[in-house]
Amino acid sequence: MTARIERVVTEGVVDVDGTEHKVENNTWIVGDDDEVIVIDPARDADKILEQVGEREVLAVICTAGLPDHVGAAIEVASRDEAVVALHPKDKPLWRETWSETWPDIDMEDDGIFGVADVQLDVMETPGITPGGVSLYCEALGAVFTGKALQADGPGKLGGEYPALADQLTSIGGRLFTLPHDTRVLAIHGDEVTIGDLEPHFDDWVSGSLTRSADAADEAEGPLTDGTKISGIRLGPGDE
């Protein structure tokens, strides 16, 4: 196996509902010495392409349509006339950054991208955005989760959870079905494994993510059936 994973960290500011937030973003590069796929090029195309070097960029994949996922997508893709992929439900978000162009590929659940000697499997993981996806590479033992799941738990947008029930459904029903030693490579922060985070899931669905400090002190314990009370579905058959 020659494929490998590389990380490029860029810094910048994003605006969420009129409030600016300083952020660091991870852009992930998957490939070998000849070809790569670039995941979530937030900004600073020059820095990203410097890491890519002379290798061919086959595709740019955006796990969400937010500015800090797509900000350098066109510049990175244009060098080698690579395709840009995004879930169609995030196209309205894409247009807030790129008003005169569209992505080339509409990603959907169970789609596959190949690079070098490995493949990336598309997993729909909405919550932060309607079209959020994660990319699972079984051969490299890694899942690229965007903002859906990060080292400190479910990611936020502007300090809030836009659709927490959907996000936790995605995490419990999709991401936590992966092997425990799978590396979680998010758009922010350091890496962890599925096994590091999965034990916290019951606390998340019982309300620990949104409960105030006072409420947490008063709580008698986790909900007896947190998934159903919170409206969280762990699988297609859960009603």
Protein backbone atom coordinates (compact mmCIF):
# COMPACT_ATOMS: atom_id res chain seq x y z
CA MET A 1 0.00 0.00 0.00
CA THR A 2 1.38 3.38 -0.99
CA ALA A 3 -1.48 5.71 -0.12
CA ARG A 4 -1.08 7.98 2.89
CA ILE A 5 -2.82 10.84 4.69
CA GLU A 6 -1.34 14.31 5.11
CA ARG A 7 -2.65 17.35 6.98
CA VAL A 8 -2.35 21.04 6.15
CA VAL A 9 -3.43 23.52 8.85
CA THR A 10 -4.64 26.96 7.76
CA GLU A 11 -5.88 29.89 9.83
CA GLY A 12 -8.55 32.50 9.20
CA VAL A 13 -11.81 34.11 10.24
CA VAL A 14 -15.35 32.95 9.52
CA ASP A 15 -18.52 35.00 9.91
CA VAL A 16 -21.50 33.29 11.53
CA ASP A 17 -24.63 35.45 11.73
CA GLY A 18 -22.57 38.63 11.79
CA THR A 19 -20.09 37.45 14.40
CA GLU A 20 -16.50 36.74 13.40
CA HIS A 21 -14.78 33.63 14.74
CA LYS A 22 -11.06 32.89 14.46
CA VAL A 23 -10.50 29.30 13.41
CA GLU A 24 -7.84 26.82 12.42
CA ASN A 25 -8.81 24.33 9.76
CA ASN A 26 -7.45 20.96 8.79
CA THR A 27 -7.27 20.24 5.08
CA TRP A 28 -6.64 16.56 4.46
CA ILE A 29 -4.74 15.16 1.50
CA VAL A 30 -5.11 11.48 0.59
CA GLY A 31 -2.97 9.84 -2.07
CA ASP A 32 0.46 8.62 -3.05
CA ASP A 33 3.48 10.06 -4.83
CA ASP A 34 1.54 10.57 -8.07
CA GLU A 35 -2.06 11.57 -7.32
CA VAL A 36 -4.16 12.93 -4.48
CA ILE A 37 -7.64 13.91 -3.38
CA VAL A 38 -7.94 17.10 -1.31
CA ILE A 39 -10.60 17.21 1.41
CA ASP A 40 -12.00 20.51 2.76
CA PRO A 41 -9.62 23.16 1.37
CA ALA A 42 -10.67 25.96 3.68
CA ARG A 43 -8.35 28.74 2.61
CA ASP A 44 -4.76 29.45 1.51
CA ALA A 45 -4.67 27.50 -1.73
CA ASP A 46 -0.95 28.23 -2.10
CA LYS A 47 -0.14 26.45 1.17
CA ILE A 48 -2.29 23.48 0.26
CA LEU A 49 -0.82 23.18 -3.23
CA GLU A 50 2.68 23.51 -1.83
CA GLN A 51 2.00 20.36 0.18
CA VAL A 52 0.51 18.65 -2.87
CA GLY A 53 3.62 19.51 -4.87
CA GLU A 54 3.81 18.05 -8.37
CA ARG A 55 1.22 15.36 -7.68
CA GLU A 56 -2.00 15.49 -9.67
CA VAL A 57 -5.13 16.61 -7.83
CA LEU A 58 -7.89 14.25 -8.98
CA ALA A 59 -10.71 15.74 -6.93
CA VAL A 60 -11.55 18.26 -4.26
CA ILE A 61 -14.16 16.92 -1.85
CA CYS A 62 -16.03 19.27 0.50
CA THR A 63 -17.70 17.62 3.48
CA ALA A 64 -20.00 20.66 3.81
CA GLY A 65 -20.81 23.82 1.88
CA LEU A 66 -19.64 26.21 4.59
CA PRO A 67 -16.96 28.82 3.79
CA ASP A 68 -14.28 27.13 5.87
CA HIS A 69 -14.82 23.92 3.88
CA VAL A 70 -14.95 25.38 0.37
CA GLY A 71 -13.00 28.65 0.54
CA ALA A 72 -10.05 27.44 -1.56
CA ALA A 73 -11.88 24.71 -3.48
CA ILE A 74 -11.90 26.40 -6.88
CA GLU A 75 -8.28 27.50 -6.73
CA VAL A 76 -7.02 24.09 -5.64
CA ALA A 77 -9.11 22.26 -8.21
CA SER A 78 -8.33 24.56 -11.13
CA ARG A 79 -4.60 23.87 -11.17
CA ASP A 80 -5.13 20.34 -12.52
CA GLU A 81 -8.71 20.77 -13.76
CA ALA A 82 -9.87 18.51 -10.94
CA VAL A 83 -13.55 17.97 -10.14
CA VAL A 84 -15.17 19.49 -7.05
CA ALA A 85 -17.64 17.32 -5.12
CA LEU A 86 -20.37 18.45 -2.69
CA HIS A 87 -23.65 17.05 -1.45
CA PRO A 88 -26.51 18.72 -3.39
CA LYS A 89 -28.30 19.80 -0.20
CA ASP A 90 -25.37 22.10 0.57
CA LYS A 91 -25.40 23.88 -2.78
CA PRO A 92 -27.16 26.97 -1.33
CA LEU A 93 -24.33 27.29 1.19
CA TRP A 94 -21.77 26.86 -1.56
CA ARG A 95 -23.27 29.80 -3.47
CA GLU A 96 -22.65 32.08 -0.49
CA THR A 97 -18.93 31.65 -1.19
CA TRP A 98 -18.91 30.91 -4.92
CA SER A 99 -21.79 32.86 -6.44
CA GLU A 100 -20.94 32.21 -10.08
CA THR A 101 -20.07 28.54 -10.15
CA TRP A 102 -21.33 25.13 -9.03
CA PRO A 103 -19.57 21.96 -7.86
CA ASP A 104 -18.98 19.35 -10.57
CA ILE A 105 -20.22 16.29 -8.68
CA ASP A 106 -23.31 15.85 -6.51
CA MET A 107 -22.25 13.43 -3.77
CA GLU A 108 -24.76 11.02 -2.30
CA ASP A 109 -24.72 8.31 0.35
CA ASP A 110 -22.59 5.26 -0.53
CA GLY A 111 -20.76 7.09 -3.31
CA ILE A 112 -17.13 6.08 -3.88
CA PHE A 113 -14.00 8.02 -4.80
CA GLY A 114 -10.78 6.26 -5.73
CA VAL A 115 -7.24 7.56 -5.38
CA ALA A 116 -3.93 5.71 -5.51
CA ASP A 117 -4.76 2.24 -4.18
CA VAL A 118 -7.58 3.15 -1.78
CA GLN A 119 -11.18 4.28 -1.90
CA LEU A 120 -13.19 6.84 0.04
CA ASP A 121 -16.78 5.88 0.86
CA VAL A 122 -19.32 8.67 1.21
CA MET A 123 -21.45 8.59 4.37
CA GLU A 124 -24.24 11.15 4.78
CA THR A 125 -23.81 12.75 8.21
CA PRO A 126 -26.15 15.77 8.31
CA GLY A 127 -26.65 17.97 11.34
CA ILE A 128 -24.21 20.84 11.06
CA THR A 129 -25.51 21.30 7.51
CA PRO A 130 -28.26 19.43 5.62
CA GLY A 131 -25.73 18.01 3.18
CA GLY A 132 -22.91 17.19 5.54
CA VAL A 133 -20.94 14.06 4.69
CA SER A 134 -18.08 12.03 6.09
CA LEU A 135 -15.58 10.02 4.04
CA TYR A 136 -14.51 6.60 5.29
CA CYS A 137 -11.28 5.01 4.08
CA GLU A 138 -11.24 1.44 5.37
CA ALA A 139 -7.80 0.70 3.93
CA LEU A 140 -6.22 3.57 5.86
CA GLY A 141 -8.36 3.10 8.97
CA ALA A 142 -9.65 6.68 8.93
CA VAL A 143 -12.85 8.66 8.61
CA PHE A 144 -12.90 12.32 7.58
CA THR A 145 -15.79 13.79 9.54
CA GLY A 146 -15.78 17.51 8.75
CA LYS A 147 -17.60 19.20 11.64
CA ALA A 148 -19.93 16.28 12.39
CA LEU A 149 -17.60 14.73 14.97
CA GLN A 150 -14.42 16.20 16.40
CA ALA A 151 -11.90 15.38 19.13
CA ASP A 152 -14.08 17.08 21.77
CA GLY A 153 -17.32 15.53 20.54
CA PRO A 154 -20.03 16.69 18.12
CA GLY A 155 -18.92 19.84 16.33
CA LYS A 156 -20.72 23.17 16.55
CA LEU A 157 -21.43 26.02 14.18
CA GLY A 158 -20.92 29.44 15.73
CA GLY A 159 -21.03 27.88 19.18
CA GLU A 160 -24.39 26.19 18.58
CA TYR A 161 -25.81 22.92 17.29
CA PRO A 162 -28.01 23.71 14.26
CA ALA A 163 -29.76 20.32 14.26
CA LEU A 164 -28.44 18.28 17.16
CA ALA A 165 -30.89 15.38 16.85
CA ASP A 166 -29.89 14.84 13.22
CA GLN A 167 -26.21 15.19 14.10
CA LEU A 168 -26.39 12.61 16.88
CA THR A 169 -28.38 10.29 14.64
CA SER A 170 -25.55 10.54 12.11
CA ILE A 171 -22.91 9.89 14.75
CA GLY A 172 -24.66 6.98 16.43
CA GLY A 173 -26.08 5.37 13.31
CA ARG A 174 -23.14 5.81 10.97
CA LEU A 175 -19.85 6.88 12.54
CA PHE A 176 -20.05 4.76 15.68
CA THR A 177 -20.63 1.64 13.58
CA LEU A 178 -17.03 1.89 12.36
CA PRO A 179 -14.19 -0.08 14.03
CA HIS A 180 -13.08 1.42 17.34
CA ASP A 181 -9.51 1.99 16.12
CA THR A 182 -10.70 4.13 13.19
CA ARG A 183 -8.97 7.53 13.19
CA VAL A 184 -11.37 10.48 13.36
CA LEU A 185 -9.93 13.24 11.18
CA ALA A 186 -12.08 16.35 11.51
CA ILE A 187 -11.84 19.83 10.04
CA HIS A 188 -10.83 21.29 13.41
CA GLY A 189 -8.53 20.05 16.15
CA ASP A 190 -6.44 16.95 16.71
CA GLU A 191 -7.27 13.39 15.80
CA VAL A 192 -8.85 10.81 18.05
CA THR A 193 -10.39 7.39 17.44
CA ILE A 194 -13.95 6.16 17.30
CA GLY A 195 -13.18 4.14 20.42
CA ASP A 196 -12.13 7.28 22.30
CA LEU A 197 -15.45 9.01 21.63
CA GLU A 198 -18.07 6.26 21.53
CA PRO A 199 -18.30 5.81 25.33
CA HIS A 200 -19.57 9.41 25.61
CA PHE A 201 -22.52 8.88 23.28
CA ASP A 202 -25.07 8.04 25.97
CA ASP A 203 -24.22 11.26 27.79
CA TRP A 204 -24.65 13.26 24.60
CA VAL A 205 -28.09 11.86 23.85
CA SER A 206 -29.16 12.37 27.47
CA GLY A 207 -28.61 16.10 27.10
CA SER A 208 -25.11 16.75 28.39
CA LEU A 209 -24.21 18.83 25.34
CA THR A 210 -26.89 21.45 25.92
CA ARG A 211 -27.69 21.17 29.62
CA SER A 212 -26.65 24.19 31.65
CA ALA A 213 -24.27 23.74 34.58
CA ASP A 214 -27.13 24.18 37.06
CA ALA A 215 -29.32 21.73 35.23
CA ALA A 216 -26.46 19.26 35.09
CA ASP A 217 -26.09 19.48 38.87
CA GLU A 218 -29.81 18.90 39.36
CA ALA A 219 -30.13 16.06 36.89
CA GLU A 220 -30.80 12.71 38.51
CA GLY A 221 -29.18 10.73 35.73
CA PRO A 222 -29.36 9.91 32.02
CA LEU A 223 -32.69 9.56 30.30
CA THR A 224 -34.00 6.03 30.26
CA ASP A 225 -34.38 6.21 26.50
CA GLY A 226 -32.48 9.28 25.41
CA THR A 227 -32.55 8.49 21.72
CA LYS A 228 -36.33 8.42 21.40
CA ILE A 229 -36.97 11.27 23.83
CA SER A 230 -34.54 13.47 21.92
CA GLY A 231 -35.99 12.50 18.57
CA ILE A 232 -32.75 10.73 17.62
CA ARG A 233 -32.91 7.79 15.24
CA LEU A 234 -30.07 5.30 15.36
CA GLY A 235 -31.24 3.39 12.32
CA PRO A 236 -33.92 3.31 9.61
CA GLY A 237 -36.10 1.02 11.71
CA ASP A 238 -36.16 3.18 14.82
CA GLU A 239 -39.43 5.06 15.07
